[in-house]
Amino acid sequence: MASLRSYIITRLLLVIPMIFIVLTVIFIVLRILPGDPVITVLGPKATAEERERLREQLGLNKPLYIQYIEYLGNIVRGDLGRSLIFGRRLVIDEIMDRFPATLELAITSLLFGAGLGILVGSLGALSRRRSVDILSRLYGIISYSFFIPWLGLMLQMGLSIGLGLFPVSGRIDPLLTPPRITGLYLVDSIITGRFDSFLNALWHIILPTVTLGIVISGIFAKLGRTSFSEVLVQDHVLAARARGIRESTIFRHHVAKNAIVPIMTMMGLQFALLLGGTVLTEAAFSWPGMGYLLFERILYRDYNVIQGVLIIFGLLIALINLIVDILYAYVDPRVRF
């Protein structure tokens, strides 16, 4: 327990400089990107006095090091500022409105992608046919190399426009939006007994889920095949076979339990990346999540919202990676040393 405690403390301490670096990079990149948020807000016809007045209100006329200090101080206090446009709403309110959509898409994509990838990878490892193993490896390489907007567009053209099976974009039909409890439409629909809303939300989320799920399934297919192949040749599996135990029993009690550990770790890491990396999928399907919010506000140079979204993404990724590391150290004591 002492080694686990020291490992957790070490990982917690390492998170602090990592978050500091992320915050610093976000600040610098946004300041060197082309475009002026003041001109975006006021328009090109604004007078020099109007522009200078807004710069002073936003604090953009101060030296960069002063802006940086104030930026870090505001984050420590939990103040992400206000949007420069669209009613000057609090950034945290903008994010909280969009976060459930991103979370819902990330969860469904992870479940679909991990399930598909593990199935393909395990089939490649367990099958006695070399052709099945080759197809499993090819699937892992090809699926992971797909460009998300292209794959989304192909699915939209084929299944939405061509066959009319799914909606092209959006999260739910407006008239069927369930009362907001968690912000997750699938969950809120079940809680409130709105099964028509559940089916409609499910209908809308299938294509974005399949698009993102297919891409991430490639890494699970490769990892699953490698993990199952390594466990199958270990001594305890060979000994179980020598004793005449049925293959199904060997798989459940000796193979699956050991092979799933690195896969579970990867699921945690991929979930963190999904929360922060759904921008392309959300943009392709006009999915109203944090990724689409980021895409919109980059076009408008809305510094405060862009900073806020990237900060939340960075904190989520750091937090989930920390949790995964701790869980992995708890399951496998070798990691602590």
C-alpha atoms as a PDB file:
ATOM      1  CA  MET A   1       0.000   0.000   0.000  1.00  0.00           C
ATOM      2  CA  ALA A   2       2.918   2.327   0.703  1.00  0.00           C
ATOM      3  CA  SER A   3       4.238   1.911  -2.849  1.00  0.00           C
ATOM      4  CA  LEU A   4       0.754   2.585  -4.272  1.00  0.00           C
ATOM      5  CA  ARG A   5       0.372   5.676  -2.087  1.00  0.00           C
ATOM      6  CA  SER A   6       3.730   7.086  -3.168  1.00  0.00           C
ATOM      7  CA  TYR A   7       2.909   6.324  -6.822  1.00  0.00           C
ATOM      8  CA  ILE A   8      -0.413   8.214  -6.559  1.00  0.00           C
ATOM      9  CA  ILE A   9       1.278  11.202  -4.902  1.00  0.00           C
ATOM     10  CA  THR A  10       3.963  11.240  -7.617  1.00  0.00           C
ATOM     11  CA  ARG A  11       1.367  11.160 -10.393  1.00  0.00           C
ATOM     12  CA  LEU A  12      -0.631  13.935  -8.731  1.00  0.00           C
ATOM     13  CA  LEU A  13       2.474  16.112  -8.514  1.00  0.00           C
ATOM     14  CA  LEU A  14       3.295  15.452 -12.175  1.00  0.00           C
ATOM     15  CA  VAL A  15      -0.175  16.620 -13.232  1.00  0.00           C
ATOM     16  CA  ILE A  16       0.494  20.155 -11.950  1.00  0.00           C
ATOM     17  CA  PRO A  17       3.358  21.062 -14.346  1.00  0.00           C
ATOM     18  CA  MET A  18       1.557  19.305 -17.185  1.00  0.00           C
ATOM     19  CA  ILE A  19      -1.547  21.479 -16.697  1.00  0.00           C
ATOM     20  CA  PHE A  20       0.644  24.570 -16.390  1.00  0.00           C
ATOM     21  CA  ILE A  21       2.342  23.754 -19.716  1.00  0.00           C
ATOM     22  CA  VAL A  22      -1.033  23.171 -21.402  1.00  0.00           C
ATOM     23  CA  LEU A  23      -2.368  26.514 -20.156  1.00  0.00           C
ATOM     24  CA  THR A  24       0.772  28.315 -21.306  1.00  0.00           C
ATOM     25  CA  VAL A  25       0.675  26.752 -24.774  1.00  0.00           C
ATOM     26  CA  ILE A  26      -3.010  27.677 -25.178  1.00  0.00           C
ATOM     27  CA  PHE A  27      -2.287  31.303 -24.231  1.00  0.00           C
ATOM     28  CA  ILE A  28       0.679  31.632 -26.602  1.00  0.00           C
ATOM     29  CA  VAL A  29      -0.941  29.909 -29.594  1.00  0.00           C
ATOM     30  CA  LEU A  30      -4.097  32.036 -29.413  1.00  0.00           C
ATOM     31  CA  ARG A  31      -2.005  35.235 -29.328  1.00  0.00           C
ATOM     32  CA  ILE A  32       0.085  34.347 -32.377  1.00  0.00           C
ATOM     33  CA  LEU A  33      -2.775  33.102 -34.549  1.00  0.00           C
ATOM     34  CA  PRO A  34      -3.784  35.517 -37.324  1.00  0.00           C
ATOM     35  CA  GLY A  35      -6.961  37.539 -36.841  1.00  0.00           C
ATOM     36  CA  ASP A  36      -8.153  40.223 -34.458  1.00  0.00           C
ATOM     37  CA  PRO A  37     -11.104  39.463 -32.138  1.00  0.00           C
ATOM     38  CA  VAL A  38     -11.833  43.183 -31.801  1.00  0.00           C
ATOM     39  CA  ILE A  39     -12.345  43.559 -35.559  1.00  0.00           C
ATOM     40  CA  THR A  40     -14.413  40.381 -35.582  1.00  0.00           C
ATOM     41  CA  VAL A  41     -16.716  41.719 -32.864  1.00  0.00           C
ATOM     42  CA  LEU A  42     -17.061  45.312 -34.096  1.00  0.00           C
ATOM     43  CA  GLY A  43     -16.694  44.714 -37.820  1.00  0.00           C
ATOM     44  CA  PRO A  44     -14.304  46.375 -40.285  1.00  0.00           C
ATOM     45  CA  LYS A  45     -16.245  49.671 -40.282  1.00  0.00           C
ATOM     46  CA  ALA A  46     -15.666  50.427 -36.603  1.00  0.00           C
ATOM     47  CA  THR A  47     -13.686  53.528 -35.752  1.00  0.00           C
ATOM     48  CA  ALA A  48     -10.258  53.443 -34.139  1.00  0.00           C
ATOM     49  CA  GLU A  49     -11.741  54.873 -30.928  1.00  0.00           C
ATOM     50  CA  GLU A  50     -14.353  52.108 -30.751  1.00  0.00           C
ATOM     51  CA  ARG A  51     -11.705  49.453 -31.291  1.00  0.00           C
ATOM     52  CA  GLU A  52      -9.422  50.918 -28.651  1.00  0.00           C
ATOM     53  CA  ARG A  53     -12.305  51.155 -26.176  1.00  0.00           C
ATOM     54  CA  LEU A  54     -13.150  47.465 -26.661  1.00  0.00           C
ATOM     55  CA  ARG A  55      -9.481  46.459 -26.383  1.00  0.00           C
ATOM     56  CA  GLU A  56      -9.348  48.226 -23.038  1.00  0.00           C
ATOM     57  CA  GLN A  57     -12.554  46.508 -21.855  1.00  0.00           C
ATOM     58  CA  LEU A  58     -11.164  43.099 -22.842  1.00  0.00           C
ATOM     59  CA  GLY A  59      -7.714  43.803 -21.422  1.00  0.00           C
ATOM     60  CA  LEU A  60      -6.058  43.248 -24.812  1.00  0.00           C
ATOM     61  CA  ASN A  61      -4.213  46.590 -24.643  1.00  0.00           C
ATOM     62  CA  LYS A  62      -2.110  45.411 -21.690  1.00  0.00           C
ATOM     63  CA  PRO A  63       1.397  43.914 -22.073  1.00  0.00           C
ATOM     64  CA  LEU A  64       1.388  40.185 -22.796  1.00  0.00           C
ATOM     65  CA  TYR A  65       2.970  39.233 -19.486  1.00  0.00           C
ATOM     66  CA  ILE A  66       0.218  41.116 -17.597  1.00  0.00           C
ATOM     67  CA  GLN A  67      -2.434  39.376 -19.710  1.00  0.00           C
ATOM     68  CA  TYR A  68      -0.752  36.041 -18.948  1.00  0.00           C
ATOM     69  CA  ILE A  69      -0.701  36.640 -15.180  1.00  0.00           C
ATOM     70  CA  GLU A  70      -4.350  37.732 -15.179  1.00  0.00           C
ATOM     71  CA  TYR A  71      -5.237  34.736 -17.369  1.00  0.00           C
ATOM     72  CA  LEU A  72      -3.691  32.273 -14.888  1.00  0.00           C
ATOM     73  CA  GLY A  73      -5.238  34.079 -11.933  1.00  0.00           C
ATOM     74  CA  ASN A  74      -8.714  33.932 -13.462  1.00  0.00           C
ATOM     75  CA  ILE A  75      -8.359  30.211 -14.177  1.00  0.00           C
ATOM     76  CA  VAL A  76      -7.284  29.506 -10.595  1.00  0.00           C
ATOM     77  CA  ARG A  77     -10.453  31.306  -9.429  1.00  0.00           C
ATOM     78  CA  GLY A  78     -12.552  29.311 -11.913  1.00  0.00           C
ATOM     79  CA  ASP A  79     -13.345  32.388 -13.982  1.00  0.00           C
ATOM     80  CA  LEU A  80     -13.149  31.622 -17.713  1.00  0.00           C
ATOM     81  CA  GLY A  81     -14.537  35.023 -18.678  1.00  0.00           C
ATOM     82  CA  ARG A  82     -17.335  35.907 -21.076  1.00  0.00           C
ATOM     83  CA  SER A  83     -17.854  35.262 -24.752  1.00  0.00           C
ATOM     84  CA  LEU A  84     -16.873  38.181 -26.975  1.00  0.00           C
ATOM     85  CA  ILE A  85     -19.975  37.661 -29.101  1.00  0.00           C
ATOM     86  CA  PHE A  86     -23.453  36.076 -28.975  1.00  0.00           C
ATOM     87  CA  GLY A  87     -24.774  37.995 -25.993  1.00  0.00           C
ATOM     88  CA  ARG A  88     -21.532  38.014 -23.971  1.00  0.00           C
ATOM     89  CA  ARG A  89     -22.560  34.860 -22.091  1.00  0.00           C
ATOM     90  CA  LEU A  90     -20.309  33.357 -19.431  1.00  0.00           C
ATOM     91  CA  VAL A  91     -17.908  30.894 -21.043  1.00  0.00           C
ATOM     92  CA  ILE A  92     -18.645  28.262 -18.392  1.00  0.00           C
ATOM     93  CA  ASP A  93     -22.355  28.459 -19.289  1.00  0.00           C
ATOM     94  CA  GLU A  94     -21.537  28.000 -22.970  1.00  0.00           C
ATOM     95  CA  ILE A  95     -19.429  24.954 -22.137  1.00  0.00           C
ATOM     96  CA  MET A  96     -21.970  23.381 -19.775  1.00  0.00           C
ATOM     97  CA  ASP A  97     -24.654  23.700 -22.457  1.00  0.00           C
ATOM     98  CA  ARG A  98     -22.507  21.781 -24.941  1.00  0.00           C
ATOM     99  CA  PHE A  99     -20.585  19.323 -22.749  1.00  0.00           C
ATOM    100  CA  PRO A 100     -23.399  16.722 -22.380  1.00  0.00           C
ATOM    101  CA  ALA A 101     -23.609  16.323 -26.168  1.00  0.00           C
ATOM    102  CA  THR A 102     -19.865  15.652 -26.380  1.00  0.00           C
ATOM    103  CA  LEU A 103     -19.981  13.277 -23.407  1.00  0.00           C
ATOM    104  CA  GLU A 104     -22.883  11.320 -24.898  1.00  0.00           C
ATOM    105  CA  LEU A 105     -21.138  10.976 -28.269  1.00  0.00           C
ATOM    106  CA  ALA A 106     -17.849   9.997 -26.600  1.00  0.00           C
ATOM    107  CA  ILE A 107     -19.500   7.254 -24.520  1.00  0.00           C
ATOM    108  CA  THR A 108     -21.447   5.695 -27.399  1.00  0.00           C
ATOM    109  CA  SER A 109     -18.439   5.905 -29.739  1.00  0.00           C
ATOM    110  CA  LEU A 110     -16.145   4.294 -27.179  1.00  0.00           C
ATOM    111  CA  LEU A 111     -18.556   1.433 -26.491  1.00  0.00           C
ATOM    112  CA  PHE A 112     -19.132   0.790 -30.191  1.00  0.00           C
ATOM    113  CA  GLY A 113     -15.497   1.219 -31.219  1.00  0.00           C
ATOM    114  CA  ALA A 114     -14.044  -0.844 -28.372  1.00  0.00           C
ATOM    115  CA  GLY A 115     -16.612  -3.609 -28.815  1.00  0.00           C
ATOM    116  CA  LEU A 116     -16.026  -3.844 -32.566  1.00  0.00           C
ATOM    117  CA  GLY A 117     -12.253  -3.623 -32.242  1.00  0.00           C
ATOM    118  CA  ILE A 118     -12.006  -6.239 -29.471  1.00  0.00           C
ATOM    119  CA  LEU A 119     -14.233  -8.596 -31.478  1.00  0.00           C
ATOM    120  CA  VAL A 120     -12.111  -8.259 -34.623  1.00  0.00           C
ATOM    121  CA  GLY A 121      -8.825  -8.477 -32.708  1.00  0.00           C
ATOM    122  CA  SER A 122      -9.834 -11.501 -30.659  1.00  0.00           C
ATOM    123  CA  LEU A 123     -11.074 -13.309 -33.766  1.00  0.00           C
ATOM    124  CA  GLY A 124      -7.693 -12.738 -35.399  1.00  0.00           C
ATOM    125  CA  ALA A 125      -5.843 -14.078 -32.357  1.00  0.00           C
ATOM    126  CA  LEU A 126      -8.108 -17.045 -31.637  1.00  0.00           C
ATOM    127  CA  SER A 127      -8.848 -18.223 -35.170  1.00  0.00           C
ATOM    128  CA  ARG A 128      -6.831 -21.113 -36.533  1.00  0.00           C
ATOM    129  CA  ARG A 129      -7.173 -19.707 -40.056  1.00  0.00           C
ATOM    130  CA  ARG A 130      -4.340 -17.483 -41.179  1.00  0.00           C
ATOM    131  CA  SER A 131      -6.676 -15.594 -43.542  1.00  0.00           C
ATOM    132  CA  VAL A 132      -8.816 -14.451 -40.587  1.00  0.00           C
ATOM    133  CA  ASP A 133      -5.708 -13.195 -38.776  1.00  0.00           C
ATOM    134  CA  ILE A 134      -4.565 -11.272 -41.866  1.00  0.00           C
ATOM    135  CA  LEU A 135      -8.010  -9.686 -42.303  1.00  0.00           C
ATOM    136  CA  SER A 136      -8.014  -8.709 -38.629  1.00  0.00           C
ATOM    137  CA  ARG A 137      -4.681  -6.941 -38.989  1.00  0.00           C
ATOM    138  CA  LEU A 138      -5.747  -5.239 -42.223  1.00  0.00           C
ATOM    139  CA  TYR A 139      -8.907  -3.969 -40.561  1.00  0.00           C
ATOM    140  CA  GLY A 140      -6.894  -2.457 -37.716  1.00  0.00           C
ATOM    141  CA  ILE A 141      -4.593  -0.618 -40.131  1.00  0.00           C
ATOM    142  CA  ILE A 142      -7.263   0.586 -42.572  1.00  0.00           C
ATOM    143  CA  SER A 143      -9.923   1.656 -40.069  1.00  0.00           C
ATOM    144  CA  TYR A 144      -7.482   3.685 -37.959  1.00  0.00           C
ATOM    145  CA  SER A 145      -6.225   5.523 -41.057  1.00  0.00           C
ATOM    146  CA  PHE A 146      -9.673   6.807 -42.100  1.00  0.00           C
ATOM    147  CA  PHE A 147     -10.054  10.602 -42.218  1.00  0.00           C
ATOM    148  CA  ILE A 148     -13.086  11.280 -40.023  1.00  0.00           C
ATOM    149  CA  PRO A 149     -14.796  14.010 -42.123  1.00  0.00           C
ATOM    150  CA  TRP A 150     -14.393  11.890 -45.268  1.00  0.00           C
ATOM    151  CA  LEU A 151     -15.820   8.785 -43.602  1.00  0.00           C
ATOM    152  CA  GLY A 152     -18.671  10.836 -42.131  1.00  0.00           C
ATOM    153  CA  LEU A 153     -19.428  12.340 -45.534  1.00  0.00           C
ATOM    154  CA  MET A 154     -19.472   8.913 -47.191  1.00  0.00           C
ATOM    155  CA  LEU A 155     -21.876   7.569 -44.572  1.00  0.00           C
ATOM    156  CA  GLN A 156     -24.073  10.659 -44.907  1.00  0.00           C
ATOM    157  CA  MET A 157     -24.194  10.343 -48.680  1.00  0.00           C
ATOM    158  CA  GLY A 158     -24.863   6.624 -48.615  1.00  0.00           C
ATOM    159  CA  LEU A 159     -27.088   6.058 -45.589  1.00  0.00           C
ATOM    160  CA  SER A 160     -28.705   9.483 -45.136  1.00  0.00           C
ATOM    161  CA  ILE A 161     -29.069  11.084 -48.557  1.00  0.00           C
ATOM    162  CA  GLY A 162     -29.005   7.901 -50.623  1.00  0.00           C
ATOM    163  CA  LEU A 163     -31.131   5.529 -48.536  1.00  0.00           C
ATOM    164  CA  GLY A 164     -32.767   7.982 -46.129  1.00  0.00           C
ATOM    165  CA  LEU A 165     -32.079   5.721 -43.153  1.00  0.00           C
ATOM    166  CA  PHE A 166     -30.597   8.328 -40.815  1.00  0.00           C
ATOM    167  CA  PRO A 167     -30.669  12.123 -40.392  1.00  0.00           C
ATOM    168  CA  VAL A 168     -27.798  14.049 -41.921  1.00  0.00           C
ATOM    169  CA  SER A 169     -27.098  16.203 -38.862  1.00  0.00           C
ATOM    170  CA  GLY A 170     -28.365  17.372 -35.497  1.00  0.00           C
ATOM    171  CA  ARG A 171     -28.895  15.689 -32.160  1.00  0.00           C
ATOM    172  CA  ILE A 172     -32.684  15.329 -31.928  1.00  0.00           C
ATOM    173  CA  ASP A 173     -35.838  16.718 -33.535  1.00  0.00           C
ATOM    174  CA  PRO A 174     -36.634  20.000 -31.699  1.00  0.00           C
ATOM    175  CA  LEU A 175     -40.195  18.995 -30.779  1.00  0.00           C
ATOM    176  CA  LEU A 176     -38.952  15.794 -29.125  1.00  0.00           C
ATOM    177  CA  THR A 177     -36.280  17.323 -26.863  1.00  0.00           C
ATOM    178  CA  PRO A 178     -36.726  15.762 -23.387  1.00  0.00           C
ATOM    179  CA  PRO A 179     -36.683  17.811 -20.167  1.00  0.00           C
ATOM    180  CA  ARG A 180     -33.068  18.567 -19.209  1.00  0.00           C
ATOM    181  CA  ILE A 181     -31.888  16.547 -16.222  1.00  0.00           C
ATOM    182  CA  THR A 182     -28.407  15.324 -17.110  1.00  0.00           C
ATOM    183  CA  GLY A 183     -28.215  16.876 -20.575  1.00  0.00           C
ATOM    184  CA  LEU A 184     -27.707  13.384 -22.043  1.00  0.00           C
ATOM    185  CA  TYR A 185     -30.755  12.969 -24.264  1.00  0.00           C
ATOM    186  CA  LEU A 186     -30.697   9.166 -24.192  1.00  0.00           C
ATOM    187  CA  VAL A 187     -30.568   9.138 -20.401  1.00  0.00           C
ATOM    188  CA  ASP A 188     -33.061  11.983 -19.895  1.00  0.00           C
ATOM    189  CA  SER A 189     -35.532  10.307 -22.253  1.00  0.00           C
ATOM    190  CA  ILE A 190     -35.457   7.114 -20.200  1.00  0.00           C
ATOM    191  CA  ILE A 191     -35.708   8.957 -16.866  1.00  0.00           C
ATOM    192  CA  THR A 192     -38.751  10.937 -18.021  1.00  0.00           C
ATOM    193  CA  GLY A 193     -40.365   7.999 -19.827  1.00  0.00           C
ATOM    194  CA  ARG A 194     -40.135   9.740 -23.218  1.00  0.00           C
ATOM    195  CA  PHE A 195     -39.385   6.694 -25.360  1.00  0.00           C
ATOM    196  CA  ASP A 196     -40.259   8.559 -28.564  1.00  0.00           C
ATOM    197  CA  SER A 197     -37.502  11.020 -27.653  1.00  0.00           C
ATOM    198  CA  PHE A 198     -35.144   8.132 -26.841  1.00  0.00           C
ATOM    199  CA  LEU A 199     -35.661   6.515 -30.243  1.00  0.00           C
ATOM    200  CA  ASN A 200     -35.282   9.848 -32.021  1.00  0.00           C
ATOM    201  CA  ALA A 201     -32.069  10.706 -30.134  1.00  0.00           C
ATOM    202  CA  LEU A 202     -30.747   7.191 -30.824  1.00  0.00           C
ATOM    203  CA  TRP A 203     -31.619   7.616 -34.515  1.00  0.00           C
ATOM    204  CA  HIS A 204     -29.610  10.845 -34.659  1.00  0.00           C
ATOM    205  CA  ILE A 205     -26.546   9.562 -32.777  1.00  0.00           C
ATOM    206  CA  ILE A 206     -25.994   6.360 -34.778  1.00  0.00           C
ATOM    207  CA  LEU A 207     -24.087   7.851 -37.734  1.00  0.00           C
ATOM    208  CA  PRO A 208     -21.709  10.047 -35.662  1.00  0.00           C
ATOM    209  CA  THR A 209     -21.119   7.094 -33.338  1.00  0.00           C
ATOM    210  CA  VAL A 210     -20.378   4.701 -36.198  1.00  0.00           C
ATOM    211  CA  THR A 211     -18.065   7.244 -37.862  1.00  0.00           C
ATOM    212  CA  LEU A 212     -15.983   7.888 -34.766  1.00  0.00           C
ATOM    213  CA  GLY A 213     -16.305   4.295 -33.526  1.00  0.00           C
ATOM    214  CA  ILE A 214     -14.942   2.750 -36.726  1.00  0.00           C
ATOM    215  CA  VAL A 215     -11.850   4.951 -36.578  1.00  0.00           C
ATOM    216  CA  ILE A 216     -11.004   4.198 -32.939  1.00  0.00           C
ATOM    217  CA  SER A 217     -11.887   0.501 -33.358  1.00  0.00           C
ATOM    218  CA  GLY A 218      -8.667   0.088 -35.338  1.00  0.00           C
ATOM    219  CA  ILE A 219      -6.451   0.637 -32.309  1.00  0.00           C
ATOM    220  CA  PHE A 220      -8.548  -1.789 -30.241  1.00  0.00           C
ATOM    221  CA  ALA A 221      -8.354  -4.396 -33.012  1.00  0.00           C
ATOM    222  CA  LYS A 222      -4.552  -4.204 -33.057  1.00  0.00           C
ATOM    223  CA  LEU A 223      -4.224  -4.102 -29.276  1.00  0.00           C
ATOM    224  CA  GLY A 224      -6.815  -6.868 -28.805  1.00  0.00           C
ATOM    225  CA  ARG A 225      -5.064  -9.186 -31.239  1.00  0.00           C
ATOM    226  CA  THR A 226      -1.673  -8.584 -29.602  1.00  0.00           C
ATOM    227  CA  SER A 227      -3.019  -8.957 -26.069  1.00  0.00           C
ATOM    228  CA  PHE A 228      -4.962 -12.163 -26.749  1.00  0.00           C
ATOM    229  CA  SER A 229      -2.053 -13.661 -28.722  1.00  0.00           C
ATOM    230  CA  GLU A 230       0.370 -13.063 -25.835  1.00  0.00           C
ATOM    231  CA  VAL A 231      -1.955 -14.563 -23.219  1.00  0.00           C
ATOM    232  CA  LEU A 232      -2.734 -17.654 -25.343  1.00  0.00           C
ATOM    233  CA  VAL A 233       0.896 -18.863 -25.195  1.00  0.00           C
ATOM    234  CA  GLN A 234       1.408 -18.273 -21.471  1.00  0.00           C
ATOM    235  CA  ASP A 235       2.131 -21.259 -19.235  1.00  0.00           C
ATOM    236  CA  HIS A 236      -1.125 -21.221 -17.270  1.00  0.00           C
ATOM    237  CA  VAL A 237      -3.169 -21.386 -20.505  1.00  0.00           C
ATOM    238  CA  LEU A 238      -1.067 -24.216 -21.918  1.00  0.00           C
ATOM    239  CA  ALA A 239      -1.349 -26.083 -18.603  1.00  0.00           C
ATOM    240  CA  ALA A 240      -5.137 -25.689 -18.607  1.00  0.00           C
ATOM    241  CA  ARG A 241      -5.294 -27.156 -22.117  1.00  0.00           C
ATOM    242  CA  ALA A 242      -3.036 -30.022 -21.095  1.00  0.00           C
ATOM    243  CA  ARG A 243      -5.498 -30.871 -18.305  1.00  0.00           C
ATOM    244  CA  GLY A 244      -8.277 -31.191 -20.889  1.00  0.00           C
ATOM    245  CA  ILE A 245     -10.302 -28.145 -19.775  1.00  0.00           C
ATOM    246  CA  ARG A 246     -12.799 -26.948 -22.365  1.00  0.00           C
ATOM    247  CA  GLU A 247     -11.705 -24.061 -24.605  1.00  0.00           C
ATOM    248  CA  SER A 248     -14.693 -21.929 -23.589  1.00  0.00           C
ATOM    249  CA  THR A 249     -13.749 -22.277 -19.912  1.00  0.00           C
ATOM    250  CA  ILE A 250     -10.094 -21.517 -20.638  1.00  0.00           C
ATOM    251  CA  PHE A 251     -11.110 -18.416 -22.563  1.00  0.00           C
ATOM    252  CA  ARG A 252     -13.363 -17.087 -19.797  1.00  0.00           C
ATOM    253  CA  HIS A 253     -11.160 -17.799 -16.791  1.00  0.00           C
ATOM    254  CA  HIS A 254      -7.600 -17.693 -18.136  1.00  0.00           C
ATOM    255  CA  VAL A 255      -7.477 -15.714 -21.384  1.00  0.00           C
ATOM    256  CA  ALA A 256     -10.104 -12.962 -21.250  1.00  0.00           C
ATOM    257  CA  LYS A 257      -9.355 -11.788 -17.697  1.00  0.00           C
ATOM    258  CA  ASN A 258      -5.651 -11.331 -18.420  1.00  0.00           C
ATOM    259  CA  ALA A 259      -5.977  -9.962 -21.945  1.00  0.00           C
ATOM    260  CA  ILE A 260      -8.547  -7.333 -20.963  1.00  0.00           C
ATOM    261  CA  VAL A 261      -6.236  -5.377 -18.589  1.00  0.00           C
ATOM    262  CA  PRO A 262      -4.252  -3.447 -21.255  1.00  0.00           C
ATOM    263  CA  ILE A 263      -7.460  -3.030 -23.275  1.00  0.00           C
ATOM    264  CA  MET A 264      -9.219  -1.424 -20.299  1.00  0.00           C
ATOM    265  CA  THR A 265      -6.280   0.945 -19.922  1.00  0.00           C
ATOM    266  CA  MET A 266      -6.546   1.895 -23.581  1.00  0.00           C
ATOM    267  CA  MET A 267     -10.286   2.457 -23.184  1.00  0.00           C
ATOM    268  CA  GLY A 268      -9.579   5.026 -20.485  1.00  0.00           C
ATOM    269  CA  LEU A 269      -6.986   6.792 -22.607  1.00  0.00           C
ATOM    270  CA  GLN A 270      -9.196   6.751 -25.700  1.00  0.00           C
ATOM    271  CA  PHE A 271     -12.129   8.108 -23.707  1.00  0.00           C
ATOM    272  CA  ALA A 272      -9.998  11.067 -22.657  1.00  0.00           C
ATOM    273  CA  LEU A 273      -8.977  11.660 -26.262  1.00  0.00           C
ATOM    274  CA  LEU A 274     -12.578  11.324 -27.438  1.00  0.00           C
ATOM    275  CA  LEU A 275     -13.719  14.023 -25.029  1.00  0.00           C
ATOM    276  CA  GLY A 276     -11.073  16.344 -26.394  1.00  0.00           C
ATOM    277  CA  GLY A 277     -10.964  15.169 -29.990  1.00  0.00           C
ATOM    278  CA  THR A 278     -14.508  15.026 -31.317  1.00  0.00           C
ATOM    279  CA  VAL A 279     -14.107  18.328 -33.182  1.00  0.00           C
ATOM    280  CA  LEU A 280     -13.978  16.786 -36.655  1.00  0.00           C
ATOM    281  CA  THR A 281     -16.916  14.450 -36.055  1.00  0.00           C
ATOM    282  CA  GLU A 282     -19.070  17.157 -34.491  1.00  0.00           C
ATOM    283  CA  ALA A 283     -18.252  19.569 -37.314  1.00  0.00           C
ATOM    284  CA  ALA A 284     -19.095  16.942 -39.943  1.00  0.00           C
ATOM    285  CA  PHE A 285     -22.492  16.170 -38.392  1.00  0.00           C
ATOM    286  CA  SER A 286     -23.278  19.629 -36.925  1.00  0.00           C
ATOM    287  CA  TRP A 287     -23.355  17.881 -33.558  1.00  0.00           C
ATOM    288  CA  PRO A 288     -23.911  20.616 -30.921  1.00  0.00           C
ATOM    289  CA  GLY A 289     -21.083  19.638 -28.591  1.00  0.00           C
ATOM    290  CA  MET A 290     -17.914  21.273 -27.318  1.00  0.00           C
ATOM    291  CA  GLY A 291     -16.004  20.338 -30.462  1.00  0.00           C
ATOM    292  CA  TYR A 292     -18.522  22.122 -32.673  1.00  0.00           C
ATOM    293  CA  LEU A 293     -18.510  25.073 -30.269  1.00  0.00           C
ATOM    294  CA  LEU A 294     -14.727  25.274 -30.645  1.00  0.00           C
ATOM    295  CA  PHE A 295     -15.041  25.069 -34.436  1.00  0.00           C
ATOM    296  CA  GLU A 296     -17.627  27.888 -34.477  1.00  0.00           C
ATOM    297  CA  ARG A 297     -15.710  30.234 -32.207  1.00  0.00           C
ATOM    298  CA  ILE A 298     -12.404  29.779 -34.043  1.00  0.00           C
ATOM    299  CA  LEU A 299     -14.150  31.252 -37.077  1.00  0.00           C
ATOM    300  CA  TYR A 300     -15.203  34.275 -34.970  1.00  0.00           C
ATOM    301  CA  ARG A 301     -11.867  34.572 -33.087  1.00  0.00           C
ATOM    302  CA  ASP A 302     -13.760  34.360 -29.795  1.00  0.00           C
ATOM    303  CA  TYR A 303     -10.618  34.104 -27.621  1.00  0.00           C
ATOM    304  CA  ASN A 304     -12.349  33.543 -24.311  1.00  0.00           C
ATOM    305  CA  VAL A 305     -14.513  30.646 -25.480  1.00  0.00           C
ATOM    306  CA  ILE A 306     -11.637  29.042 -27.399  1.00  0.00           C
ATOM    307  CA  GLN A 307      -9.435  29.291 -24.307  1.00  0.00           C
ATOM    308  CA  GLY A 308     -12.181  27.946 -22.068  1.00  0.00           C
ATOM    309  CA  VAL A 309     -12.939  24.922 -24.257  1.00  0.00           C
ATOM    310  CA  LEU A 310      -9.258  24.027 -24.672  1.00  0.00           C
ATOM    311  CA  ILE A 311      -8.651  24.402 -20.942  1.00  0.00           C
ATOM    312  CA  ILE A 312     -11.565  22.085 -20.122  1.00  0.00           C
ATOM    313  CA  PHE A 313     -10.330  19.586 -22.716  1.00  0.00           C
ATOM    314  CA  GLY A 314      -6.833  19.696 -21.231  1.00  0.00           C
ATOM    315  CA  LEU A 315      -8.067  19.278 -17.650  1.00  0.00           C
ATOM    316  CA  LEU A 316     -10.342  16.365 -18.617  1.00  0.00           C
ATOM    317  CA  ILE A 317      -7.548  14.562 -20.444  1.00  0.00           C
ATOM    318  CA  ALA A 318      -5.134  15.088 -17.527  1.00  0.00           C
ATOM    319  CA  LEU A 319      -7.730  13.915 -14.975  1.00  0.00           C
ATOM    320  CA  ILE A 320      -8.757  10.796 -16.889  1.00  0.00           C
ATOM    321  CA  ASN A 321      -5.123   9.866 -17.594  1.00  0.00           C
ATOM    322  CA  LEU A 322      -4.422  10.198 -13.870  1.00  0.00           C
ATOM    323  CA  ILE A 323      -7.366   7.952 -12.969  1.00  0.00           C
ATOM    324  CA  VAL A 324      -6.284   5.360 -15.553  1.00  0.00           C
ATOM    325  CA  ASP A 325      -2.711   5.344 -14.236  1.00  0.00           C
ATOM    326  CA  ILE A 326      -3.914   4.857 -10.663  1.00  0.00           C
ATOM    327  CA  LEU A 327      -6.305   2.048 -11.622  1.00  0.00           C
ATOM    328  CA  TYR A 328      -3.612   0.345 -13.676  1.00  0.00           C
ATOM    329  CA  ALA A 329      -1.162   0.568 -10.771  1.00  0.00           C
ATOM    330  CA  TYR A 330      -3.799  -0.933  -8.475  1.00  0.00           C
ATOM    331  CA  VAL A 331      -4.430  -3.856 -10.866  1.00  0.00           C
ATOM    332  CA  ASP A 332      -0.779  -4.449 -11.796  1.00  0.00           C
ATOM    333  CA  PRO A 333       1.652  -3.818  -8.878  1.00  0.00           C
ATOM    334  CA  ARG A 334       4.655  -3.930 -11.266  1.00  0.00           C
ATOM    335  CA  VAL A 335       3.722  -0.452 -12.536  1.00  0.00           C
ATOM    336  CA  ARG A 336       4.486   1.130  -9.151  1.00  0.00           C
ATOM    337  CA  PHE A 337       8.184   0.302  -9.232  1.00  0.00           C
END
